[in-house]
Amino acid sequence: MKEAIKQQNLSNEFYTPERCYITELSNIPDDPDASIARARVEPGVTTRWHRLKGTVERYYIVNGRGRMEVGELPPLEVNAGDIVLIPPMCRQRITNIGSEDLIFLAICTPRFSNDVNEFIEDDPT
């Protein structure tokens, strides 16, 4: 990896099958150890149940209110400043329970690639 300063460019935001908007902030082959994405979930939306193969994910809540469901933990409200730790192959989804966009950073190690994402049934029980 070489030194760099990357500036946020929200015009690169795209909608995903997960039901949220993503802006890749840092996800490059020259830095395979980690990636950072900005996720945006609109009010009232619940993302799809999914899990990541071989990748640890961390959510850092930047703005808004959400209800996080991860692994076997009971659903819990998350707010700005909260961090969610998600081990590999751990089911997860988040619901925006506020009136404004829920925004969080998704930090993955190693870096995220589409082939590690696995959608699972909306009702896994």
Protein backbone atom coordinates (compact mmCIF):
# COMPACT_ATOMS: atom_id res chain seq x y z
CA MET A 1 0.00 0.00 0.00
CA LYS A 2 1.14 3.54 -0.72
CA GLU A 3 0.33 6.63 1.29
CA ALA A 4 -2.79 8.42 0.09
CA ILE A 5 -5.54 10.80 1.09
CA LYS A 6 -8.94 9.77 -0.20
CA GLN A 7 -11.77 12.29 -0.08
CA GLN A 8 -15.36 11.21 0.34
CA ASN A 9 -17.38 11.35 -2.88
CA LEU A 10 -21.06 10.68 -2.21
CA SER A 11 -21.86 10.86 -5.93
CA ASN A 12 -20.47 7.30 -6.15
CA GLU A 13 -23.28 5.96 -3.94
CA PHE A 14 -25.12 2.90 -5.31
CA TYR A 15 -28.13 0.83 -4.21
CA THR A 16 -27.52 -2.80 -3.23
CA PRO A 17 -29.69 -5.95 -3.08
CA GLU A 18 -29.20 -5.69 0.67
CA ARG A 19 -31.72 -2.77 0.60
CA CYS A 20 -29.28 0.00 1.43
CA TYR A 21 -27.08 2.53 -0.33
CA ILE A 22 -23.29 2.11 -0.28
CA THR A 23 -20.40 4.45 -0.99
CA GLU A 24 -17.05 2.66 -1.10
CA LEU A 25 -14.68 4.95 0.81
CA SER A 26 -11.67 2.64 0.66
CA ASN A 27 -11.73 -0.75 -1.02
CA ILE A 28 -8.73 -1.30 -3.26
CA PRO A 29 -6.47 -4.24 -4.16
CA ASP A 30 -3.43 -2.31 -2.90
CA ASP A 31 -4.95 -2.43 0.62
CA PRO A 32 -6.28 -6.00 0.92
CA ASP A 33 -6.29 -6.02 4.72
CA ALA A 34 -9.33 -3.76 5.18
CA SER A 35 -12.14 -1.83 3.49
CA ILE A 36 -14.38 1.00 4.61
CA ALA A 37 -17.82 1.72 3.18
CA ARG A 38 -20.46 4.30 4.07
CA ALA A 39 -23.89 2.69 4.31
CA ARG A 40 -27.19 4.56 4.24
CA VAL A 41 -30.53 3.00 5.17
CA GLU A 42 -33.70 4.98 4.59
CA PRO A 43 -36.33 5.40 7.35
CA GLY A 44 -38.47 2.30 7.89
CA VAL A 45 -36.21 0.02 5.82
CA THR A 46 -34.78 -3.28 7.12
CA THR A 47 -31.77 -4.70 5.34
CA ARG A 48 -31.82 -8.34 4.24
CA TRP A 49 -30.46 -11.07 6.48
CA HIS A 50 -26.92 -11.79 5.33
CA ARG A 51 -23.50 -12.95 6.52
CA LEU A 52 -19.95 -12.61 5.31
CA LYS A 53 -17.70 -15.60 4.65
CA GLY A 54 -14.18 -15.23 6.07
CA THR A 55 -14.63 -11.51 6.79
CA VAL A 56 -15.02 -9.65 10.08
CA GLU A 57 -17.28 -6.61 9.86
CA ARG A 58 -17.70 -3.69 12.21
CA TYR A 59 -20.46 -1.10 12.01
CA TYR A 60 -19.73 2.37 13.37
CA ILE A 61 -23.01 4.27 13.63
CA VAL A 62 -22.54 7.84 12.38
CA ASN A 63 -26.10 9.20 12.31
CA GLY A 64 -29.65 8.09 12.99
CA ARG A 65 -31.31 5.35 15.02
CA GLY A 66 -31.36 1.67 14.19
CA ARG A 67 -32.37 -1.71 15.55
CA MET A 68 -29.49 -4.13 15.10
CA GLU A 69 -29.97 -7.87 14.92
CA VAL A 70 -26.72 -9.83 14.97
CA GLY A 71 -26.09 -13.51 15.69
CA GLU A 72 -27.95 -14.81 18.70
CA LEU A 73 -28.08 -11.46 20.50
CA PRO A 74 -31.51 -9.92 21.15
CA PRO A 75 -32.35 -6.95 18.88
CA LEU A 76 -30.83 -3.77 20.29
CA GLU A 77 -31.24 -0.09 19.47
CA VAL A 78 -28.07 1.55 18.12
CA ASN A 79 -27.31 5.25 17.86
CA ALA A 80 -24.50 7.56 16.76
CA GLY A 81 -21.20 6.48 18.29
CA ASP A 82 -22.18 2.83 18.81
CA ILE A 83 -20.06 0.02 17.36
CA VAL A 84 -21.36 -3.40 16.30
CA LEU A 85 -18.86 -6.30 16.05
CA ILE A 86 -19.83 -8.99 13.53
CA PRO A 87 -17.71 -12.18 13.28
CA PRO A 88 -17.47 -14.12 10.00
CA MET A 89 -20.61 -16.12 9.09
CA CYS A 90 -22.68 -14.29 11.73
CA ARG A 91 -26.19 -13.41 10.51
CA GLN A 92 -27.01 -9.73 10.59
CA ARG A 93 -29.49 -7.08 9.55
CA ILE A 94 -30.34 -3.55 10.64
CA THR A 95 -33.58 -1.55 10.62
CA ASN A 96 -33.79 2.22 10.46
CA ILE A 97 -36.22 3.05 13.29
CA GLY A 98 -35.74 6.81 13.06
CA SER A 99 -37.15 9.58 10.91
CA GLU A 100 -33.87 10.41 9.15
CA ASP A 101 -31.37 8.32 7.22
CA LEU A 102 -29.38 5.80 9.27
CA ILE A 103 -25.73 6.18 8.29
CA PHE A 104 -22.90 3.92 9.41
CA LEU A 105 -19.43 2.90 8.37
CA ALA A 106 -18.92 -0.77 7.51
CA ILE A 107 -15.30 -1.67 8.18
CA CYS A 108 -14.27 -5.11 6.89
CA THR A 109 -11.15 -7.19 7.42
CA PRO A 110 -9.99 -8.47 5.06
CA ARG A 111 -11.44 -6.08 2.49
CA PHE A 112 -15.02 -6.68 1.32
CA SER A 113 -15.73 -8.36 -1.99
CA ASN A 114 -19.12 -9.41 -3.37
CA ASP A 115 -18.18 -13.09 -3.33
CA VAL A 116 -18.02 -13.16 0.50
CA ASN A 117 -21.58 -11.82 0.91
CA GLU A 118 -24.24 -14.47 1.40
CA PHE A 119 -27.94 -13.61 1.69
CA ILE A 120 -29.96 -15.90 3.93
CA GLU A 121 -33.68 -16.30 4.47
CA ASP A 122 -35.49 -13.24 5.76
CA ASP A 123 -36.78 -15.44 8.58
CA PRO A 124 -33.84 -17.71 9.51
CA THR A 125 -35.73 -19.64 12.20
